[in-house]
Amino acid sequence: MKKKGLWLSLALTFSLALTGCNSDSASKNTSGSGGEKGKEKLEIFSWWTGAGEEDGLKALIKLFQEKYPDIPVENAAVAGGAGTNAKAVLASRMQGNDPPATFQVHGGEELNAGWVAAGKMEPLNDLYEKEGWMDKFPKSLIDMVSKDGKIYSVPVNIHRGNVLWYNKKIFDENGLQPPKTFDEFFQVADKLKAKGITPLALGDKEPWAATHIFETVLLGTLGVDDYKKLWTGELSFDDAKVKEAVNTFKKMLNYINEDHSSRNWQDAAQLVAKGEAAMNIMGDWVKGYFVNDLKLKVNEDFGYVPTPNTDGQFMVITDTFGLPKGVKNPDDVKKFLAVLGSVEGQDAFNPLKGSIPARIDADVSKYDEYGKATIEDFKTAKLAPSLAHGSAAPEGFVTKVNQAVNIFVTQKDVKSFIDTLVSASAELKK
């Protein structure tokens, strides 16, 4: 992606999210360690401020501070699901040559077509070699954080995006089985709707949540191979299969809660937790929210299955951290990245976050039923990069898709939506 295109797309993202940000955002959720007086702070920039994610980040920082008590740490998290606000603040800072010491970025195009292509990141091959990581992370994962043979970030986790969560009590009381296909989904949804139960909870106050559902429908309709072809231009967005997916998505929107646009993803998940809705399609950070915040029990209060038609497929979302160019404390950053990429670091973070470790040699015993099952699935499933979370396509394209999905959820105009996707796909060729 050309630098001009990058800055235009980042500027667009910044202007869209500016209303949700202010000059105090980056310091709103900060905490520092003691450290040596006058020593440069290790500013860890993320959007982990809620649910299990904040607990996981704090556990990671605590582990780092135990190992390096002389390095002061600032938890510079900015609230907003999927990084809506954080990415805008980050874009402003990076353009102003004021990078944080390290920042959360999704592996894939968000990293590679964004900050790496703009020349804003330092390669980390030396760190990988020093820590012996080359055979500790799956090759496909290292490829997601690499460009032209250079590795630019360290994955802390793996999230699965294509998960359908359901309220077990509602399903048991109504004699229902969790749907595995689109046909089964609509059959179940009709039965629930007939009994006055909201079938599908959505919270798209931030439009990425609706895009998240749409990408799972795309995956379930196209399969991994054709889904990937969308991002390389080998398959057009006006292909018959894409139109089929859009129509399926449109039909699913008939079963959502009326107040979806005033809710965020946690609010939507809470509808399922409370029994006010039956199902929720969202990544497995929902599990962290259910277990840590709402104190629900896996496979007792809630259940989970892959989203319709995606059994054996795995929508990958990986949160990573790298080393921006121009930071004043690169050695300290590398120390943090080494902790983040260690078995100990990954096992401190992921059980709380709801994700699974990015490393293949983590301690499986530290994970619950869901975690163990997902670790096994990840080993054998066909992997697909997430669109909604920045792995499949550049930020500029994702922004346009989010806008188009937001309009589609309200207007349900299939032709207009497809036309917008086709037009926006020009962003993929830059």
Protein backbone atom coordinates (compact mmCIF):
# COMPACT_ATOMS: atom_id res chain seq x y z
CA MET A 1 0.00 0.00 0.00
CA LYS A 2 1.37 3.40 -0.90
CA LYS A 3 2.36 5.75 1.89
CA LYS A 4 -0.04 8.38 0.62
CA GLY A 5 -2.90 5.90 0.78
CA LEU A 6 -1.88 4.84 4.27
CA TRP A 7 -1.93 8.35 5.66
CA LEU A 8 -5.19 9.16 3.93
CA SER A 9 -6.87 6.08 5.38
CA LEU A 10 -5.42 6.71 8.82
CA ALA A 11 -6.48 10.33 8.67
CA LEU A 12 -9.99 9.19 7.74
CA THR A 13 -10.06 6.77 10.64
CA PHE A 14 -8.80 9.53 12.92
CA SER A 15 -11.45 12.00 11.81
CA LEU A 16 -14.22 9.42 12.19
CA ALA A 17 -13.19 8.50 15.71
CA LEU A 18 -12.17 11.93 16.91
CA THR A 19 -15.54 12.56 18.52
CA GLY A 20 -14.89 9.64 20.83
CA CYS A 21 -11.43 10.84 21.84
CA ASN A 22 -9.95 13.72 23.73
CA SER A 23 -6.52 14.84 24.77
CA ASP A 24 -6.84 12.94 28.04
CA SER A 25 -7.74 9.60 26.42
CA ALA A 26 -4.28 8.13 26.41
CA SER A 27 -3.74 8.85 30.09
CA LYS A 28 -7.21 7.95 31.33
CA ASN A 29 -6.34 4.36 32.16
CA THR A 30 -2.74 4.62 33.22
CA SER A 31 -0.80 3.05 36.03
CA GLY A 32 2.90 3.24 36.61
CA SER A 33 5.49 1.32 38.53
CA GLY A 34 8.11 2.96 40.66
CA GLY A 35 11.28 2.47 38.68
CA GLU A 36 14.33 4.68 38.71
CA LYS A 37 13.68 8.40 38.96
CA GLY A 38 14.07 10.04 35.58
CA LYS A 39 14.19 6.76 33.68
CA GLU A 40 12.18 6.67 30.45
CA LYS A 41 8.73 5.16 30.97
CA LEU A 42 7.76 2.04 29.06
CA GLU A 43 4.45 3.18 27.61
CA ILE A 44 2.30 0.20 26.62
CA PHE A 45 -0.43 1.42 24.27
CA SER A 46 -3.55 -0.70 23.71
CA TRP A 47 -7.35 -0.66 23.77
CA TRP A 48 -7.64 -3.22 26.57
CA THR A 49 -9.78 -1.44 29.13
CA GLY A 50 -12.70 -3.80 29.72
CA ALA A 51 -13.81 -7.37 30.38
CA GLY A 52 -11.06 -9.98 30.75
CA GLU A 53 -8.71 -8.04 28.48
CA GLU A 54 -7.77 -5.50 31.15
CA ASP A 55 -7.16 -8.29 33.66
CA GLY A 56 -4.89 -10.06 31.18
CA LEU A 57 -2.90 -6.91 30.43
CA LYS A 58 -2.46 -6.13 34.12
CA ALA A 59 -1.24 -9.69 34.75
CA LEU A 60 1.31 -9.29 31.94
CA ILE A 61 2.51 -5.93 33.28
CA LYS A 62 2.76 -7.36 36.81
CA LEU A 63 4.94 -10.20 35.53
CA PHE A 64 7.18 -7.72 33.68
CA GLN A 65 7.51 -5.49 36.75
CA GLU A 66 8.53 -8.47 38.88
CA LYS A 67 11.33 -9.22 36.41
CA TYR A 68 12.34 -5.59 35.78
CA PRO A 69 11.40 -3.48 38.83
CA ASP A 70 13.73 -0.68 37.70
CA ILE A 71 11.77 0.00 34.50
CA PRO A 72 8.74 2.28 35.06
CA VAL A 73 5.64 1.17 33.14
CA GLU A 74 2.69 3.20 31.91
CA ASN A 75 -0.48 1.34 30.92
CA ALA A 76 -1.66 3.79 28.25
CA ALA A 77 -4.87 2.00 27.26
CA VAL A 78 -7.58 3.89 25.35
CA ALA A 79 -11.17 2.65 25.69
CA GLY A 80 -13.18 1.62 22.62
CA GLY A 81 -14.01 -1.79 21.18
CA ALA A 82 -11.68 -3.17 18.46
CA GLY A 83 -9.46 -0.13 18.94
CA THR A 84 -11.87 2.37 17.37
CA ASN A 85 -10.55 5.26 19.45
CA ALA A 86 -7.06 3.92 20.15
CA LYS A 87 -6.18 3.66 16.45
CA ALA A 88 -7.15 7.30 15.93
CA VAL A 89 -4.96 8.44 18.83
CA LEU A 90 -2.12 6.22 17.59
CA ALA A 91 -2.36 7.59 14.04
CA SER A 92 -2.06 11.14 15.36
CA ARG A 93 0.94 10.29 17.52
CA MET A 94 2.77 8.31 14.84
CA GLN A 95 2.29 11.11 12.30
CA GLY A 96 3.62 13.54 14.91
CA ASN A 97 6.72 11.37 15.50
CA ASP A 98 5.62 10.70 19.08
CA PRO A 99 5.27 6.90 19.12
CA PRO A 100 4.48 4.98 22.30
CA ALA A 101 7.20 2.54 23.39
CA THR A 102 5.10 -0.32 22.01
CA PHE A 103 1.52 -0.63 20.82
CA GLN A 104 -1.15 -3.23 20.16
CA VAL A 105 -1.63 -4.01 16.47
CA HIS A 106 -3.39 -6.87 14.73
CA GLY A 107 -1.11 -9.19 12.81
CA GLY A 108 -1.65 -9.14 9.05
CA GLU A 109 -2.45 -6.14 6.90
CA GLU A 110 -3.10 -3.75 9.78
CA LEU A 111 0.57 -4.21 10.70
CA ASN A 112 2.15 -4.88 7.32
CA ALA A 113 0.22 -2.65 4.89
CA GLY A 114 0.03 0.01 7.58
CA TRP A 115 2.94 0.71 9.89
CA VAL A 116 5.56 -1.50 8.25
CA ALA A 117 4.85 -0.17 4.74
CA ALA A 118 5.09 3.36 6.13
CA GLY A 119 8.57 2.62 7.49
CA LYS A 120 7.50 3.13 11.10
CA MET A 121 8.61 -0.20 12.63
CA GLU A 122 11.95 -1.82 13.49
CA PRO A 123 12.50 -5.49 12.52
CA LEU A 124 12.71 -8.01 15.36
CA ASN A 125 14.52 -10.96 13.73
CA ASP A 126 17.35 -10.60 16.24
CA LEU A 127 14.90 -10.88 19.17
CA TYR A 128 13.27 -13.98 17.67
CA GLU A 129 16.68 -15.62 17.22
CA LYS A 130 17.87 -14.65 20.71
CA GLU A 131 14.70 -15.98 22.37
CA GLY A 132 14.60 -19.13 20.21
CA TRP A 133 11.12 -18.35 18.90
CA MET A 134 11.39 -19.43 15.28
CA ASP A 135 9.95 -22.87 16.05
CA LYS A 136 7.80 -21.78 19.01
CA PHE A 137 5.23 -19.84 16.98
CA PRO A 138 3.42 -21.46 14.02
CA LYS A 139 5.05 -20.51 10.71
CA SER A 140 1.72 -19.20 9.39
CA LEU A 141 1.56 -16.86 12.38
CA ILE A 142 5.13 -15.58 11.93
CA ASP A 143 4.22 -14.93 8.28
CA MET A 144 1.32 -12.73 9.46
CA VAL A 145 3.75 -10.45 11.31
CA SER A 146 6.45 -10.44 8.62
CA LYS A 147 7.12 -8.49 5.44
CA ASP A 148 9.90 -9.15 2.94
CA GLY A 149 11.58 -11.66 5.27
CA LYS A 150 11.65 -9.32 8.26
CA ILE A 151 9.59 -9.94 11.42
CA TYR A 152 7.96 -6.84 12.89
CA SER A 153 5.93 -7.84 15.95
CA VAL A 154 5.40 -10.48 18.64
CA PRO A 155 1.99 -12.23 18.89
CA VAL A 156 0.68 -12.45 22.44
CA ASN A 157 -2.45 -14.45 21.63
CA ILE A 158 -4.77 -16.13 19.19
CA HIS A 159 -8.45 -15.30 19.17
CA ARG A 160 -11.06 -17.20 17.23
CA GLY A 161 -13.56 -14.92 15.54
CA ASN A 162 -16.06 -17.46 14.19
CA VAL A 163 -17.80 -18.45 17.43
CA LEU A 164 -21.53 -18.61 18.11
CA TRP A 165 -22.23 -18.28 21.84
CA TYR A 166 -25.57 -19.41 23.23
CA ASN A 167 -27.51 -19.42 26.48
CA LYS A 168 -27.69 -23.07 27.53
CA LYS A 169 -30.80 -22.64 29.67
CA ILE A 170 -32.79 -21.14 26.79
CA PHE A 171 -31.68 -23.88 24.41
CA ASP A 172 -32.36 -26.68 26.92
CA GLU A 173 -35.78 -25.35 27.94
CA ASN A 174 -36.85 -25.11 24.30
CA GLY A 175 -35.34 -28.44 23.23
CA LEU A 176 -32.98 -26.78 20.76
CA GLN A 177 -29.54 -27.76 19.50
CA PRO A 178 -26.94 -25.10 18.64
CA PRO A 179 -27.01 -24.53 14.86
CA LYS A 180 -24.17 -25.81 12.70
CA THR A 181 -25.50 -24.64 9.32
CA PHE A 182 -27.31 -21.55 8.07
CA ASP A 183 -30.51 -23.56 7.57
CA GLU A 184 -30.32 -24.76 11.18
CA PHE A 185 -29.66 -21.21 12.36
CA PHE A 186 -32.83 -19.90 10.72
CA GLN A 187 -34.88 -22.85 11.99
CA VAL A 188 -33.70 -22.22 15.55
CA ALA A 189 -34.15 -18.45 15.19
CA ASP A 190 -37.75 -18.86 13.97
CA LYS A 191 -38.62 -21.08 16.95
CA LEU A 192 -37.08 -18.62 19.39
CA LYS A 193 -38.76 -15.61 17.78
CA ALA A 194 -42.14 -17.38 17.94
CA LYS A 195 -41.68 -17.66 21.71
CA GLY A 196 -40.81 -13.99 22.11
CA ILE A 197 -37.09 -14.56 22.62
CA THR A 198 -34.57 -12.39 20.72
CA PRO A 199 -32.62 -14.97 18.67
CA LEU A 200 -29.41 -13.01 17.96
CA ALA A 201 -27.86 -10.29 20.12
CA LEU A 202 -25.96 -7.54 18.31
CA GLY A 203 -24.28 -4.44 19.71
CA ASP A 204 -23.10 -2.34 16.77
CA LYS A 205 -22.77 1.04 18.43
CA GLU A 206 -19.30 0.60 16.93
CA PRO A 207 -19.99 -0.84 13.44
CA TRP A 208 -17.14 -3.38 13.49
CA ALA A 209 -19.40 -5.71 15.51
CA ALA A 210 -21.79 -6.07 12.56
CA THR A 211 -18.83 -6.45 10.18
CA HIS A 212 -17.68 -9.27 12.47
CA ILE A 213 -20.92 -11.18 11.84
CA PHE A 214 -20.69 -10.46 8.11
CA GLU A 215 -17.17 -11.88 7.83
CA THR A 216 -18.27 -15.13 9.47
CA VAL A 217 -21.12 -15.38 6.95
CA LEU A 218 -18.63 -14.77 4.13
CA LEU A 219 -16.39 -17.52 5.50
CA GLY A 220 -19.30 -19.93 5.92
CA THR A 221 -20.49 -19.28 2.37
CA LEU A 222 -17.19 -19.14 0.49
CA GLY A 223 -14.92 -21.44 2.51
CA VAL A 224 -11.37 -20.50 3.48
CA ASP A 225 -9.78 -20.67 0.02
CA ASP A 226 -12.30 -18.43 -1.78
CA TYR A 227 -12.58 -16.15 1.25
CA LYS A 228 -8.83 -15.51 1.02
CA LYS A 229 -9.15 -14.77 -2.72
CA LEU A 230 -11.28 -11.71 -1.90
CA TRP A 231 -8.22 -10.02 -0.39
CA THR A 232 -5.91 -10.78 -3.33
CA GLY A 233 -8.38 -9.68 -6.01
CA GLU A 234 -8.74 -13.22 -7.39
CA LEU A 235 -12.43 -13.17 -6.45
CA SER A 236 -14.62 -10.13 -7.01
CA PHE A 237 -17.03 -8.75 -4.43
CA ASP A 238 -19.84 -9.02 -6.99
CA ASP A 239 -19.29 -12.78 -7.30
CA ALA A 240 -22.47 -14.85 -6.93
CA LYS A 241 -21.18 -16.42 -3.70
CA VAL A 242 -20.59 -13.01 -2.14
CA LYS A 243 -24.13 -11.97 -3.11
CA GLU A 244 -25.40 -15.17 -1.48
CA ALA A 245 -23.50 -14.29 1.69
CA VAL A 246 -24.91 -10.74 1.72
CA ASN A 247 -28.45 -12.10 1.36
CA THR A 248 -27.85 -14.56 4.21
CA PHE A 249 -26.48 -11.72 6.36
CA LYS A 250 -29.56 -9.64 5.49
CA LYS A 251 -31.84 -12.47 6.60
CA MET A 252 -29.92 -12.84 9.89
CA LEU A 253 -30.54 -9.16 10.64
CA ASN A 254 -34.26 -9.93 10.92
CA TYR A 255 -33.52 -11.69 14.20
CA ILE A 256 -31.50 -9.09 16.09
CA ASN A 257 -32.46 -6.91 19.07
CA GLU A 258 -34.10 -3.59 18.20
CA ASP A 259 -31.72 -1.57 20.37
CA HIS A 260 -28.57 -2.94 18.68
CA SER A 261 -27.26 0.48 17.62
CA SER A 262 -27.15 1.74 21.22
CA ARG A 263 -25.22 -1.27 22.55
CA ASN A 264 -21.53 -2.23 22.40
CA TRP A 265 -20.29 -5.82 22.16
CA GLN A 266 -20.31 -6.32 25.93
CA ASP A 267 -23.91 -5.12 26.14
CA ALA A 268 -24.91 -7.59 23.43
CA ALA A 269 -23.11 -10.46 25.15
CA GLN A 270 -24.86 -9.50 28.38
CA LEU A 271 -28.26 -10.03 26.74
CA VAL A 272 -27.28 -13.67 26.22
CA ALA A 273 -25.85 -13.95 29.72
CA LYS A 274 -29.10 -12.66 31.24
CA GLY A 275 -31.31 -14.84 29.07
CA GLU A 276 -32.76 -11.85 27.21
CA ALA A 277 -31.34 -13.16 23.94
CA ALA A 278 -30.33 -16.65 22.87
CA MET A 279 -27.23 -16.28 20.67
CA ASN A 280 -24.32 -13.95 20.00
CA ILE A 281 -21.74 -14.12 17.21
CA MET A 282 -18.47 -12.67 18.43
CA GLY A 283 -14.81 -13.54 19.04
CA ASP A 284 -13.76 -15.46 22.10
CA TRP A 285 -13.01 -12.34 24.13
CA VAL A 286 -16.68 -12.91 24.98
CA LYS A 287 -15.60 -15.94 26.97
CA GLY A 288 -13.25 -13.77 29.00
CA TYR A 289 -16.13 -11.36 29.64
CA PHE A 290 -18.57 -14.13 30.58
CA VAL A 291 -16.16 -15.86 32.96
CA ASN A 292 -14.19 -12.98 34.50
CA ASP A 293 -16.76 -10.20 34.65
CA LEU A 294 -20.09 -12.02 34.79
CA LYS A 295 -18.85 -15.10 36.69
CA LEU A 296 -20.57 -17.54 34.31
CA LYS A 297 -19.43 -21.14 33.89
CA VAL A 298 -18.29 -22.67 30.60
CA ASN A 299 -20.66 -25.37 29.31
CA GLU A 300 -23.05 -24.74 32.22
CA ASP A 301 -24.34 -21.21 31.77
CA PHE A 302 -23.23 -20.77 28.18
CA GLY A 303 -22.14 -22.96 25.28
CA TYR A 304 -20.31 -22.37 22.03
CA VAL A 305 -20.02 -23.77 18.49
CA PRO A 306 -18.32 -22.52 15.33
CA THR A 307 -20.53 -20.08 13.43
CA PRO A 308 -22.78 -21.65 10.75
CA ASN A 309 -20.97 -23.62 8.03
CA THR A 310 -17.48 -22.97 9.49
CA ASP A 311 -16.71 -26.18 11.34
CA GLY A 312 -13.03 -26.99 10.79
CA GLN A 313 -12.29 -23.36 9.89
CA PHE A 314 -10.68 -20.80 12.18
CA MET A 315 -11.02 -17.03 11.78
CA VAL A 316 -7.71 -15.86 13.22
CA ILE A 317 -7.27 -12.64 15.15
CA THR A 318 -3.89 -12.11 16.74
CA ASP A 319 -2.92 -9.19 18.95
CA THR A 320 0.74 -8.31 18.61
CA PHE A 321 3.24 -5.71 19.84
CA GLY A 322 6.31 -4.38 18.07
CA LEU A 323 9.10 -1.80 18.29
CA PRO A 324 8.30 1.58 16.69
CA LYS A 325 11.14 3.52 15.10
CA GLY A 326 12.42 6.45 17.10
CA VAL A 327 11.55 5.32 20.64
CA LYS A 328 13.99 6.40 23.35
CA ASN A 329 14.14 3.06 25.17
CA PRO A 330 14.35 0.28 22.54
CA ASP A 331 16.23 -2.10 24.86
CA ASP A 332 13.49 -1.85 27.48
CA VAL A 333 10.86 -2.43 24.79
CA LYS A 334 12.64 -5.59 23.71
CA LYS A 335 12.69 -6.78 27.33
CA PHE A 336 8.91 -6.32 27.46
CA LEU A 337 8.44 -8.09 24.13
CA ALA A 338 10.59 -10.97 25.40
CA VAL A 339 8.30 -11.35 28.43
CA LEU A 340 5.19 -11.03 26.26
CA GLY A 341 6.44 -13.76 23.93
CA SER A 342 7.54 -16.14 26.70
CA VAL A 343 5.55 -19.17 27.85
CA GLU A 344 5.17 -17.51 31.25
CA GLY A 345 3.90 -14.27 29.72
CA GLN A 346 1.43 -15.94 27.38
CA ASP A 347 0.06 -18.14 30.16
CA ALA A 348 -0.37 -15.13 32.47
CA PHE A 349 -2.29 -13.19 29.84
CA ASN A 350 -4.44 -15.57 27.81
CA PRO A 351 -6.48 -17.47 30.42
CA LEU A 352 -7.82 -14.10 31.60
CA LYS A 353 -8.27 -12.59 28.14
CA GLY A 354 -10.27 -15.57 26.85
CA SER A 355 -7.78 -16.21 24.05
CA ILE A 356 -5.31 -19.05 23.53
CA PRO A 357 -1.51 -18.73 23.47
CA ALA A 358 0.24 -17.93 20.22
CA ARG A 359 3.08 -20.28 21.22
CA ILE A 360 2.73 -23.98 20.53
CA ASP A 361 4.47 -25.01 23.79
CA ALA A 362 2.32 -23.19 26.37
CA ASP A 363 0.96 -24.97 29.46
CA VAL A 364 -2.42 -26.36 28.35
CA SER A 365 -3.37 -27.17 31.96
CA LYS A 366 -3.79 -23.45 32.67
CA TYR A 367 -6.74 -23.21 30.25
CA ASP A 368 -10.41 -24.07 30.78
CA GLU A 369 -12.56 -26.38 28.66
CA TYR A 370 -13.03 -23.75 25.99
CA GLY A 371 -9.32 -22.90 25.90
CA LYS A 372 -8.26 -26.55 25.65
CA ALA A 373 -10.76 -27.24 22.84
CA THR A 374 -9.69 -24.14 20.92
CA ILE A 375 -5.99 -24.96 21.27
CA GLU A 376 -6.75 -28.37 19.70
CA ASP A 377 -8.91 -26.84 16.94
CA PHE A 378 -6.17 -24.34 16.08
CA LYS A 379 -3.74 -27.18 15.38
CA THR A 380 -5.90 -28.74 12.65
CA ALA A 381 -8.33 -26.08 11.38
CA LYS A 382 -7.95 -24.16 8.11
CA LEU A 383 -6.99 -20.61 9.04
CA ALA A 384 -8.62 -17.47 7.66
CA PRO A 385 -7.56 -13.86 8.42
CA SER A 386 -10.17 -11.57 9.98
CA LEU A 387 -11.49 -8.64 7.97
CA ALA A 388 -13.17 -6.84 10.87
CA HIS A 389 -10.00 -6.94 12.95
CA GLY A 390 -7.48 -5.82 10.37
CA SER A 391 -5.70 -9.02 9.37
CA ALA A 392 -7.23 -9.58 5.93
CA ALA A 393 -7.13 -6.10 4.41
CA PRO A 394 -5.63 -2.61 4.84
CA GLU A 395 -7.14 -0.17 7.31
CA GLY A 396 -8.60 2.07 4.60
CA PHE A 397 -10.63 -0.79 3.14
CA VAL A 398 -11.80 -1.97 6.57
CA THR A 399 -13.00 1.56 7.39
CA LYS A 400 -15.06 1.69 4.17
CA VAL A 401 -16.54 -1.76 4.83
CA ASN A 402 -17.52 -0.74 8.37
CA GLN A 403 -19.29 2.32 6.99
CA ALA A 404 -21.07 0.24 4.34
CA VAL A 405 -22.13 -2.43 6.85
CA ASN A 406 -23.44 0.25 9.20
CA ILE A 407 -25.70 1.55 6.43
CA PHE A 408 -26.69 -1.96 5.31
CA VAL A 409 -27.84 -3.01 8.79
CA THR A 410 -30.41 -0.19 8.63
CA GLN A 411 -31.31 -0.07 4.95
CA LYS A 412 -30.70 -3.71 3.89
CA ASP A 413 -30.06 -2.66 0.26
CA VAL A 414 -28.10 -5.60 -1.18
CA LYS A 415 -27.20 -3.98 -4.52
CA SER A 416 -25.96 -0.77 -2.93
CA PHE A 417 -23.90 -2.74 -0.39
CA ILE A 418 -22.29 -4.92 -3.09
CA ASP A 419 -21.54 -1.86 -5.24
CA THR A 420 -19.83 -0.19 -2.27
CA LEU A 421 -17.73 -3.31 -1.59
CA VAL A 422 -16.64 -3.48 -5.23
CA SER A 423 -15.73 0.22 -5.23
CA ALA A 424 -13.88 -0.03 -1.91
CA SER A 425 -11.89 -3.05 -3.11
CA ALA A 426 -9.77 -0.67 -5.20
CA GLU A 427 -8.06 -0.03 -1.83
CA LEU A 428 -6.76 -3.61 -1.92
CA LYS A 429 -4.79 -3.01 -5.11
CA LYS A 430 -2.66 -0.16 -3.71
